[in-house]
């Protein structure tokens, strides 16, 4: 089967959960909920899990000052070395940089990821953050919660929930794909 035919078939099988305006609306709502949850006068750190969580974290960070959140800093976190399947991945693991140019100690941290599924990536991210210090609190914001947790981890802020954990979710963001869209399918 030619490549273009496979692409058409896959596109037909995918359901669009969020288009570009849906992602923008979800980010606006997430920013409102995050701003409402931050204790008065508390410094805030927005940390995105690499790769796409950091793009979403930047977008959320840009929205918080317009909601009265003053002391906001941004960082990105690579969780590769904290993964519980690192031994299985072995030499094919791609280690990226962690860039958290601020002290997490005493900060209200908002951890951002694109999709929450088993909870293992978030567990790895929590371990990495705790290695850097003791934040005042850590809250989890995700664009998509697809269910299927293997660990007792739940998001505090959710853009959209899928109706079945058996669905595969693909998040496309303009920073890396040139388009904003969330797709789900079998």
N, C-alpha and C. Protein backbone atom coordinates (compact mmCIF):
# COMPACT_ATOMS: atom_id res chain seq x y z
N UNK A 1 0.85 -1.18 0.00
CA UNK A 1 0.00 0.00 0.00
C UNK A 1 0.90 1.24 0.00
N UNK A 2 0.68 2.19 -0.92
CA UNK A 2 1.50 3.41 -0.95
C UNK A 2 1.37 4.20 0.34
N UNK A 3 2.43 4.96 0.67
CA UNK A 3 2.44 5.74 1.91
C UNK A 3 1.26 6.69 2.00
N UNK A 4 0.92 7.36 0.93
CA UNK A 4 -0.15 8.35 1.00
C UNK A 4 -1.49 7.68 1.29
N UNK A 5 -1.72 6.47 0.81
CA UNK A 5 -2.97 5.75 1.12
C UNK A 5 -3.04 5.40 2.60
N UNK A 6 -1.91 4.98 3.18
CA UNK A 6 -1.88 4.67 4.62
C UNK A 6 -2.17 5.92 5.44
N UNK A 7 -1.63 7.06 5.02
CA UNK A 7 -1.88 8.31 5.73
C UNK A 7 -3.36 8.66 5.70
N UNK A 8 -4.00 8.51 4.54
CA UNK A 8 -5.42 8.80 4.41
C UNK A 8 -6.24 7.88 5.31
N UNK A 9 -5.91 6.59 5.33
CA UNK A 9 -6.63 5.65 6.18
C UNK A 9 -6.45 5.99 7.65
N UNK A 10 -5.22 6.29 8.07
CA UNK A 10 -4.99 6.67 9.47
C UNK A 10 -5.71 7.95 9.83
N UNK A 11 -5.73 8.92 8.92
CA UNK A 11 -6.41 10.18 9.19
C UNK A 11 -7.91 9.96 9.36
N UNK A 12 -8.48 9.08 8.54
CA UNK A 12 -9.91 8.80 8.64
C UNK A 12 -10.23 8.11 9.97
N UNK A 13 -9.36 7.25 10.46
CA UNK A 13 -9.60 6.54 11.70
C UNK A 13 -9.40 7.40 12.94
N UNK A 14 -8.74 8.54 12.79
CA UNK A 14 -8.46 9.41 13.93
C UNK A 14 -9.64 10.37 14.15
N UNK A 15 -9.96 10.59 15.41
CA UNK A 15 -11.00 11.51 15.80
C UNK A 15 -10.31 12.77 16.34
N UNK A 16 -10.70 13.93 15.89
CA UNK A 16 -10.08 15.16 16.37
C UNK A 16 -10.74 15.56 17.69
N UNK A 17 -9.96 15.49 18.77
CA UNK A 17 -10.46 15.89 20.09
C UNK A 17 -10.42 17.40 20.26
N UNK A 18 -9.32 18.01 19.81
CA UNK A 18 -9.15 19.45 19.89
C UNK A 18 -8.52 19.95 18.60
N UNK A 19 -9.08 21.00 18.03
CA UNK A 19 -8.41 21.66 16.92
C UNK A 19 -7.64 22.85 17.48
N UNK A 20 -7.15 23.73 16.63
CA UNK A 20 -6.34 24.83 17.13
C UNK A 20 -7.12 25.74 18.08
N UNK A 21 -8.36 26.04 17.77
CA UNK A 21 -9.14 26.90 18.68
C UNK A 21 -9.50 26.15 19.96
N UNK A 22 -9.67 24.83 19.88
CA UNK A 22 -9.94 24.03 21.07
C UNK A 22 -8.74 24.00 22.01
N UNK A 23 -7.54 23.89 21.44
CA UNK A 23 -6.33 23.92 22.27
C UNK A 23 -6.18 25.28 22.93
N UNK A 24 -6.42 26.35 22.17
CA UNK A 24 -6.33 27.70 22.75
C UNK A 24 -7.34 27.87 23.89
N UNK A 25 -8.56 27.40 23.70
CA UNK A 25 -9.58 27.52 24.74
C UNK A 25 -9.19 26.69 25.97
N UNK A 26 -8.64 25.50 25.74
CA UNK A 26 -8.20 24.66 26.86
C UNK A 26 -7.07 25.33 27.63
N UNK A 27 -6.13 25.93 26.93
CA UNK A 27 -5.02 26.62 27.61
C UNK A 27 -5.51 27.84 28.38
N UNK A 28 -6.47 28.55 27.84
CA UNK A 28 -7.04 29.70 28.57
C UNK A 28 -7.70 29.24 29.87
N UNK A 29 -8.47 28.16 29.78
CA UNK A 29 -9.14 27.62 30.97
C UNK A 29 -8.12 27.10 31.97
N UNK A 30 -7.10 26.39 31.49
CA UNK A 30 -6.05 25.89 32.38
C UNK A 30 -5.36 27.05 33.08
N UNK A 31 -5.05 28.11 32.35
CA UNK A 31 -4.40 29.28 32.95
C UNK A 31 -5.28 29.90 34.03
N UNK A 32 -6.59 29.99 33.78
CA UNK A 32 -7.52 30.52 34.79
C UNK A 32 -7.50 29.66 36.05
N UNK A 33 -7.58 28.34 35.86
CA UNK A 33 -7.62 27.43 37.01
C UNK A 33 -6.31 27.46 37.79
N UNK A 34 -5.20 27.50 37.07
CA UNK A 34 -3.89 27.56 37.74
C UNK A 34 -3.76 28.85 38.53
N UNK A 35 -4.10 29.98 37.91
CA UNK A 35 -4.00 31.28 38.59
C UNK A 35 -4.86 31.31 39.85
N UNK A 36 -6.05 30.72 39.78
CA UNK A 36 -6.94 30.70 40.94
C UNK A 36 -6.41 29.83 42.08
N UNK A 37 -5.55 28.87 41.76
CA UNK A 37 -5.07 27.93 42.77
C UNK A 37 -3.78 28.37 43.48
N UNK A 38 -3.12 29.38 42.96
CA UNK A 38 -1.83 29.79 43.50
C UNK A 38 -2.04 30.64 44.76
N UNK A 39 -1.38 30.27 45.86
CA UNK A 39 -1.49 31.07 47.07
C UNK A 39 -0.97 32.49 46.85
N UNK A 40 -1.60 33.44 47.44
CA UNK A 40 -1.23 34.85 47.28
C UNK A 40 0.24 35.08 47.64
N UNK A 41 0.94 35.77 46.75
CA UNK A 41 2.33 36.14 47.00
C UNK A 41 3.34 35.02 46.85
N UNK A 42 2.91 33.86 46.45
CA UNK A 42 3.81 32.71 46.33
C UNK A 42 4.52 32.73 44.97
N UNK A 43 5.84 32.57 44.96
CA UNK A 43 6.54 32.50 43.67
C UNK A 43 6.16 31.21 42.95
N UNK A 44 6.09 31.28 41.63
CA UNK A 44 5.61 30.17 40.82
C UNK A 44 6.67 29.72 39.82
N UNK A 45 6.78 28.43 39.65
CA UNK A 45 7.63 27.86 38.62
C UNK A 45 6.79 26.98 37.72
N UNK A 46 6.84 27.25 36.42
CA UNK A 46 6.15 26.42 35.44
C UNK A 46 7.22 25.54 34.82
N UNK A 47 7.08 24.22 34.97
CA UNK A 47 8.07 23.28 34.44
C UNK A 47 7.40 22.34 33.45
N UNK A 48 7.89 22.35 32.23
CA UNK A 48 7.36 21.48 31.20
C UNK A 48 8.21 20.24 31.04
N UNK A 49 7.53 19.09 30.92
CA UNK A 49 8.24 17.83 30.65
C UNK A 49 8.56 17.80 29.17
N UNK A 50 9.84 17.63 28.87
CA UNK A 50 10.25 17.60 27.46
C UNK A 50 9.66 16.39 26.75
N UNK A 51 9.17 16.53 25.69
CA UNK A 51 9.32 17.45 24.61
C UNK A 51 8.10 18.39 24.54
N UNK A 52 6.93 17.91 24.47
CA UNK A 52 5.82 18.81 24.21
C UNK A 52 5.28 19.49 25.46
N UNK A 53 5.54 18.93 26.62
CA UNK A 53 5.10 19.59 27.84
C UNK A 53 5.76 20.95 28.01
N UNK A 54 7.00 21.08 27.53
CA UNK A 54 7.67 22.37 27.68
C UNK A 54 7.08 23.42 26.74
N UNK A 55 6.61 23.02 25.56
CA UNK A 55 5.94 23.98 24.67
C UNK A 55 4.64 24.47 25.31
N UNK A 56 3.89 23.55 25.89
CA UNK A 56 2.64 23.94 26.56
C UNK A 56 2.92 24.79 27.79
N UNK A 57 3.99 24.48 28.53
CA UNK A 57 4.34 25.26 29.71
C UNK A 57 4.66 26.71 29.33
N UNK A 58 5.37 26.90 28.22
CA UNK A 58 5.67 28.27 27.77
C UNK A 58 4.38 29.02 27.46
N UNK A 59 3.47 28.35 26.80
CA UNK A 59 2.20 29.01 26.46
C UNK A 59 1.42 29.37 27.72
N UNK A 60 1.41 28.46 28.70
CA UNK A 60 0.71 28.76 29.96
C UNK A 60 1.39 29.90 30.71
N UNK A 61 2.70 29.88 30.73
CA UNK A 61 3.44 30.92 31.44
C UNK A 61 3.13 32.31 30.88
N UNK A 62 3.00 32.42 29.57
CA UNK A 62 2.68 33.70 28.94
C UNK A 62 1.31 34.21 29.35
N UNK A 63 0.41 33.32 29.73
CA UNK A 63 -0.95 33.71 30.08
C UNK A 63 -1.11 34.11 31.56
N UNK A 64 -0.23 33.63 32.42
CA UNK A 64 -0.41 33.86 33.86
C UNK A 64 -0.28 35.31 34.30
N UNK A 65 0.66 36.10 33.78
CA UNK A 65 0.75 37.49 34.23
C UNK A 65 -0.53 38.30 33.97
N UNK A 66 -1.27 37.98 32.91
CA UNK A 66 -2.52 38.70 32.63
C UNK A 66 -3.62 38.30 33.62
N UNK A 67 -3.34 37.29 34.43
CA UNK A 67 -4.30 36.84 35.44
C UNK A 67 -3.83 37.19 36.85
N UNK A 68 -2.88 38.11 36.92
CA UNK A 68 -2.43 38.60 38.22
C UNK A 68 -1.35 37.79 38.89
N UNK A 69 -0.78 36.80 38.20
CA UNK A 69 0.29 36.00 38.78
C UNK A 69 1.60 36.69 38.43
N UNK A 70 2.31 37.16 39.47
CA UNK A 70 3.49 38.00 39.24
C UNK A 70 4.80 37.28 39.07
N UNK A 71 5.26 36.61 40.07
CA UNK A 71 6.59 36.02 40.08
C UNK A 71 6.55 34.63 39.46
N UNK A 72 6.63 34.57 38.11
CA UNK A 72 6.55 33.31 37.39
C UNK A 72 7.84 33.09 36.61
N UNK A 73 8.42 31.89 36.78
CA UNK A 73 9.61 31.52 36.02
C UNK A 73 9.35 30.20 35.31
N UNK A 74 10.12 29.97 34.26
CA UNK A 74 9.90 28.81 33.40
C UNK A 74 11.12 27.89 33.42
N UNK A 75 10.84 26.59 33.34
CA UNK A 75 11.91 25.61 33.19
C UNK A 75 11.42 24.43 32.39
N UNK A 76 12.38 23.66 31.87
CA UNK A 76 12.03 22.44 31.14
C UNK A 76 12.80 21.28 31.75
N UNK A 77 12.17 20.14 31.75
CA UNK A 77 12.69 18.98 32.46
C UNK A 77 12.79 17.77 31.55
N UNK A 78 13.98 17.17 31.49
CA UNK A 78 14.16 15.91 30.78
C UNK A 78 14.10 14.80 31.83
N UNK A 79 13.24 13.82 31.62
CA UNK A 79 13.06 12.75 32.61
C UNK A 79 13.73 11.45 32.22
N UNK A 80 14.49 11.44 31.15
CA UNK A 80 15.05 10.20 30.62
C UNK A 80 15.77 9.37 31.68
N UNK A 81 16.63 10.00 32.46
CA UNK A 81 17.42 9.25 33.44
C UNK A 81 16.61 8.82 34.66
N UNK A 82 15.38 9.29 34.77
CA UNK A 82 14.50 8.93 35.89
C UNK A 82 13.45 7.89 35.50
N UNK A 83 13.44 7.49 34.24
CA UNK A 83 12.44 6.53 33.77
C UNK A 83 12.65 5.17 34.41
N UNK A 84 11.54 4.48 34.70
CA UNK A 84 11.66 3.15 35.30
C UNK A 84 11.92 2.07 34.26
N UNK A 85 11.92 2.44 32.99
CA UNK A 85 12.24 1.48 31.92
C UNK A 85 13.56 1.81 31.23
N UNK A 86 14.41 2.58 31.90
CA UNK A 86 15.68 2.99 31.30
C UNK A 86 16.55 1.80 30.93
N UNK A 87 16.54 0.76 31.76
CA UNK A 87 17.35 -0.43 31.46
C UNK A 87 16.87 -1.10 30.17
N UNK A 88 15.56 -1.04 29.90
CA UNK A 88 15.02 -1.63 28.68
C UNK A 88 15.37 -0.80 27.45
N UNK A 89 15.39 0.51 27.62
CA UNK A 89 15.70 1.41 26.50
C UNK A 89 17.19 1.34 26.18
N UNK A 90 17.99 1.31 27.25
CA UNK A 90 19.44 1.17 27.10
C UNK A 90 20.08 2.27 26.28
N UNK A 91 20.99 1.90 25.39
CA UNK A 91 21.77 2.88 24.63
C UNK A 91 20.93 3.71 23.67
N UNK A 92 19.71 3.29 23.37
CA UNK A 92 18.90 4.08 22.45
C UNK A 92 18.20 5.26 23.14
N UNK A 93 18.37 5.38 24.46
CA UNK A 93 17.76 6.50 25.19
C UNK A 93 18.37 7.82 24.72
N UNK A 94 17.53 8.80 24.48
CA UNK A 94 17.98 10.12 24.07
C UNK A 94 17.86 11.05 25.28
N UNK A 95 19.00 11.50 25.78
CA UNK A 95 19.02 12.39 26.93
C UNK A 95 19.08 13.82 26.43
N UNK A 96 18.09 14.61 26.81
CA UNK A 96 18.05 16.03 26.46
C UNK A 96 18.44 16.82 27.69
N UNK A 97 18.46 18.12 27.56
CA UNK A 97 18.87 18.94 28.70
C UNK A 97 17.69 19.27 29.59
N UNK A 98 17.97 19.40 30.87
CA UNK A 98 17.03 19.96 31.82
C UNK A 98 17.49 21.39 32.05
N UNK A 99 16.57 22.32 31.90
CA UNK A 99 16.89 23.73 32.09
C UNK A 99 15.92 24.32 33.10
N UNK A 100 16.32 24.30 34.34
CA UNK A 100 15.52 24.91 35.41
C UNK A 100 16.43 25.94 36.07
N UNK A 101 16.41 27.18 35.55
CA UNK A 101 17.34 28.21 36.01
C UNK A 101 16.87 28.96 37.26
N UNK A 102 16.19 28.25 38.14
CA UNK A 102 15.69 28.86 39.37
C UNK A 102 15.70 27.81 40.46
N UNK A 103 15.62 28.27 41.69
CA UNK A 103 15.57 27.37 42.84
C UNK A 103 14.12 26.94 43.04
N UNK A 104 13.87 25.64 43.07
CA UNK A 104 12.51 25.14 43.26
C UNK A 104 12.07 25.26 44.72
N UNK A 105 13.02 25.42 45.61
CA UNK A 105 12.74 25.50 47.06
C UNK A 105 11.70 26.58 47.35
N UNK A 106 10.59 26.18 47.98
CA UNK A 106 9.56 27.12 48.40
C UNK A 106 8.65 27.63 47.29
N UNK A 107 8.87 27.21 46.06
CA UNK A 107 8.03 27.67 44.95
C UNK A 107 6.81 26.77 44.78
N UNK A 108 5.76 27.36 44.26
CA UNK A 108 4.56 26.63 43.82
C UNK A 108 4.87 26.19 42.40
N UNK A 109 5.07 24.88 42.21
CA UNK A 109 5.47 24.35 40.91
C UNK A 109 4.25 23.81 40.17
N UNK A 110 4.13 24.20 38.92
CA UNK A 110 3.12 23.61 38.03
C UNK A 110 3.89 22.78 37.01
N UNK A 111 3.73 21.48 37.08
CA UNK A 111 4.35 20.54 36.17
C UNK A 111 3.39 20.35 34.99
N UNK A 112 3.91 20.50 33.77
CA UNK A 112 3.04 20.48 32.59
C UNK A 112 3.48 19.36 31.64
N UNK A 113 2.49 18.59 31.16
CA UNK A 113 2.76 17.57 30.15
C UNK A 113 1.62 17.58 29.14
N UNK A 114 1.86 16.99 27.98
CA UNK A 114 0.83 16.98 26.95
C UNK A 114 -0.23 15.91 27.22
N UNK A 115 0.19 14.67 27.50
CA UNK A 115 -0.75 13.57 27.72
C UNK A 115 -0.40 12.83 29.01
N UNK A 116 -1.41 12.57 29.82
CA UNK A 116 -1.24 11.73 31.00
C UNK A 116 -1.91 10.39 30.71
N UNK A 117 -1.14 9.33 30.84
CA UNK A 117 -1.68 7.99 30.60
C UNK A 117 -1.39 7.12 31.82
N UNK A 118 -0.29 6.42 31.87
CA UNK A 118 0.00 5.49 32.97
C UNK A 118 0.41 6.21 34.25
N UNK A 119 1.00 7.39 34.12
CA UNK A 119 1.50 8.13 35.28
C UNK A 119 2.99 7.96 35.48
N UNK A 120 3.62 7.10 34.70
CA UNK A 120 5.05 6.82 34.89
C UNK A 120 5.94 8.01 34.54
N UNK A 121 5.59 8.76 33.52
CA UNK A 121 6.38 9.95 33.18
C UNK A 121 6.28 10.99 34.29
N UNK A 122 5.10 11.15 34.83
CA UNK A 122 4.92 12.12 35.92
C UNK A 122 5.68 11.67 37.17
N UNK A 123 5.67 10.37 37.47
CA UNK A 123 6.43 9.86 38.61
C UNK A 123 7.91 10.19 38.43
N UNK A 124 8.42 9.99 37.22
CA UNK A 124 9.83 10.31 36.94
C UNK A 124 10.09 11.81 37.10
N UNK A 125 9.17 12.63 36.63
CA UNK A 125 9.33 14.08 36.74
C UNK A 125 9.31 14.54 38.20
N UNK A 126 8.43 13.95 39.00
CA UNK A 126 8.38 14.30 40.42
C UNK A 126 9.70 13.97 41.11
N UNK A 127 10.27 12.80 40.79
CA UNK A 127 11.55 12.41 41.38
C UNK A 127 12.64 13.40 40.98
N UNK A 128 12.65 13.82 39.72
CA UNK A 128 13.66 14.77 39.25
C UNK A 128 13.52 16.12 39.94
N UNK A 129 12.30 16.60 40.11
CA UNK A 129 12.08 17.89 40.77
C UNK A 129 12.50 17.82 42.24
N UNK A 130 12.12 16.76 42.92
CA UNK A 130 12.47 16.61 44.33
C UNK A 130 13.98 16.56 44.52
N UNK A 131 14.70 16.00 43.54
CA UNK A 131 16.16 16.00 43.61
C UNK A 131 16.74 17.40 43.59
N UNK A 132 15.97 18.37 43.07
CA UNK A 132 16.44 19.75 42.98
C UNK A 132 16.12 20.58 44.23
N UNK A 133 15.23 20.09 45.07
CA UNK A 133 14.85 20.84 46.26
C UNK A 133 13.43 20.51 46.68
N UNK A 134 12.94 21.28 47.66
CA UNK A 134 11.61 21.02 48.20
C UNK A 134 10.67 22.18 47.86
N UNK A 135 9.83 22.00 46.83
CA UNK A 135 8.88 23.06 46.49
C UNK A 135 7.80 23.19 47.55
N UNK A 136 7.13 24.33 47.54
CA UNK A 136 5.98 24.54 48.43
C UNK A 136 4.88 23.53 48.08
N UNK A 137 4.67 23.35 46.78
CA UNK A 137 3.67 22.39 46.28
C UNK A 137 3.99 22.10 44.82
N UNK A 138 3.53 20.95 44.35
CA UNK A 138 3.63 20.60 42.93
C UNK A 138 2.24 20.23 42.46
N UNK A 139 1.80 20.88 41.41
CA UNK A 139 0.51 20.59 40.80
C UNK A 139 0.75 20.14 39.36
N UNK A 140 -0.12 19.28 38.86
CA UNK A 140 0.03 18.72 37.52
C UNK A 140 -1.03 19.27 36.58
N UNK A 141 -0.58 19.83 35.46
CA UNK A 141 -1.46 20.30 34.40
C UNK A 141 -1.18 19.50 33.14
N UNK A 142 -2.22 18.93 32.54
CA UNK A 142 -2.06 18.17 31.30
C UNK A 142 -3.08 18.65 30.27
N UNK A 143 -2.68 18.60 29.03
CA UNK A 143 -3.62 18.95 27.97
C UNK A 143 -4.65 17.84 27.80
N UNK A 144 -4.19 16.56 27.85
CA UNK A 144 -5.09 15.42 27.65
C UNK A 144 -4.88 14.40 28.76
N UNK A 145 -5.98 13.98 29.38
CA UNK A 145 -5.97 12.87 30.34
C UNK A 145 -6.66 11.72 29.64
N UNK A 146 -5.90 10.67 29.32
CA UNK A 146 -6.50 9.56 28.59
C UNK A 146 -6.83 8.37 29.47
N UNK A 147 -6.72 8.52 30.81
CA UNK A 147 -7.05 7.41 31.70
C UNK A 147 -5.97 6.35 31.66
N UNK A 148 -6.24 5.19 32.22
CA UNK A 148 -5.30 4.06 32.14
C UNK A 148 -4.16 4.12 33.12
N UNK A 149 -4.36 4.76 34.25
CA UNK A 149 -3.29 4.93 35.23
C UNK A 149 -2.79 3.61 35.78
N UNK A 150 -1.47 3.49 35.91
CA UNK A 150 -0.82 2.37 36.58
C UNK A 150 -0.30 2.78 37.95
N UNK A 151 -0.24 4.08 38.17
CA UNK A 151 0.22 4.63 39.45
C UNK A 151 -0.85 5.59 39.98
N UNK A 152 -0.86 5.82 41.29
CA UNK A 152 -1.89 6.70 41.86
C UNK A 152 -1.57 8.18 41.65
N UNK A 153 -1.62 8.60 40.39
CA UNK A 153 -1.31 9.98 40.01
C UNK A 153 -2.50 10.53 39.26
N UNK A 154 -2.97 11.70 39.67
CA UNK A 154 -4.10 12.35 39.02
C UNK A 154 -3.73 13.80 38.70
N UNK A 155 -4.21 14.32 37.59
CA UNK A 155 -3.92 15.72 37.25
C UNK A 155 -4.78 16.68 38.07
N UNK A 156 -4.21 17.84 38.35
CA UNK A 156 -4.96 18.90 39.03
C UNK A 156 -5.71 19.76 38.03
N UNK A 157 -5.15 19.89 36.84
CA UNK A 157 -5.73 20.74 35.79
C UNK A 157 -5.70 19.94 34.48
N UNK A 158 -6.86 19.84 33.81
CA UNK A 158 -6.98 19.01 32.60
C UNK A 158 -7.64 19.82 31.49
N UNK A 159 -7.02 19.77 30.30
CA UNK A 159 -7.61 20.41 29.13
C UNK A 159 -8.80 19.62 28.61
N UNK A 160 -8.60 18.31 28.38
CA UNK A 160 -9.66 17.44 27.88
C UNK A 160 -9.39 16.01 28.36
N UNK A 161 -10.46 15.28 28.62
CA UNK A 161 -10.35 13.87 28.99
C UNK A 161 -10.90 13.04 27.83
N UNK A 162 -10.21 11.94 27.53
CA UNK A 162 -10.73 11.04 26.51
C UNK A 162 -11.72 10.09 27.17
N UNK A 163 -12.56 9.49 26.37
CA UNK A 163 -13.59 8.62 26.94
C UNK A 163 -13.18 7.15 26.95
N UNK A 164 -11.94 6.86 26.62
CA UNK A 164 -11.51 5.47 26.64
C UNK A 164 -10.00 5.36 26.69
N UNK A 165 -9.51 4.58 27.65
CA UNK A 165 -8.07 4.44 27.79
C UNK A 165 -7.45 3.61 26.68
N UNK A 166 -8.27 2.93 25.88
CA UNK A 166 -7.74 2.13 24.78
C UNK A 166 -7.45 2.97 23.54
N UNK A 167 -7.80 4.25 23.57
CA UNK A 167 -7.53 5.13 22.44
C UNK A 167 -6.08 5.59 22.45
N UNK A 168 -5.49 5.65 21.28
CA UNK A 168 -4.17 6.25 21.15
C UNK A 168 -4.38 7.75 20.95
N UNK A 169 -3.61 8.57 21.64
CA UNK A 169 -3.74 10.01 21.54
C UNK A 169 -2.48 10.58 20.92
N UNK A 170 -2.66 11.46 19.94
CA UNK A 170 -1.55 12.16 19.30
C UNK A 170 -1.75 13.66 19.48
N UNK A 171 -0.76 14.32 20.05
CA UNK A 171 -0.81 15.77 20.22
C UNK A 171 0.15 16.38 19.21
N UNK A 172 -0.38 17.25 18.39
CA UNK A 172 0.43 17.98 17.41
C UNK A 172 0.44 19.44 17.84
N UNK A 173 1.62 20.01 17.99
CA UNK A 173 1.74 21.41 18.40
C UNK A 173 2.50 22.20 17.34
N UNK A 174 2.12 23.44 17.17
CA UNK A 174 2.71 24.27 16.12
C UNK A 174 4.21 24.43 16.27
N UNK A 175 4.72 24.38 17.50
CA UNK A 175 6.16 24.55 17.71
C UNK A 175 6.97 23.42 17.06
N UNK A 176 6.41 22.21 17.04
CA UNK A 176 7.14 21.08 16.48
C UNK A 176 6.51 20.50 15.22
N UNK A 177 5.20 20.66 15.05
CA UNK A 177 4.51 20.06 13.90
C UNK A 177 3.90 21.08 12.95
N UNK A 178 3.91 22.35 13.32
CA UNK A 178 3.35 23.39 12.47
C UNK A 178 1.84 23.50 12.52
N UNK A 179 1.20 22.73 13.41
CA UNK A 179 -0.26 22.72 13.54
C UNK A 179 -0.62 22.38 14.98
N UNK A 180 -1.72 22.92 15.45
CA UNK A 180 -2.25 22.57 16.77
C UNK A 180 -3.44 21.65 16.59
N UNK A 181 -3.32 20.41 17.10
CA UNK A 181 -4.44 19.48 17.01
C UNK A 181 -4.18 18.31 17.96
N UNK A 182 -5.24 17.80 18.57
CA UNK A 182 -5.18 16.58 19.36
C UNK A 182 -6.10 15.57 18.69
N UNK A 183 -5.52 14.39 18.38
CA UNK A 183 -6.27 13.34 17.71
C UNK A 183 -6.32 12.11 18.59
N UNK A 184 -7.40 11.37 18.49
CA UNK A 184 -7.52 10.09 19.20
C UNK A 184 -8.09 9.06 18.25
N UNK A 185 -7.64 7.84 18.43
CA UNK A 185 -8.13 6.76 17.58
C UNK A 185 -7.70 5.42 18.13
N UNK A 186 -8.15 4.38 17.48
CA UNK A 186 -7.85 3.02 17.92
C UNK A 186 -6.43 2.63 17.66
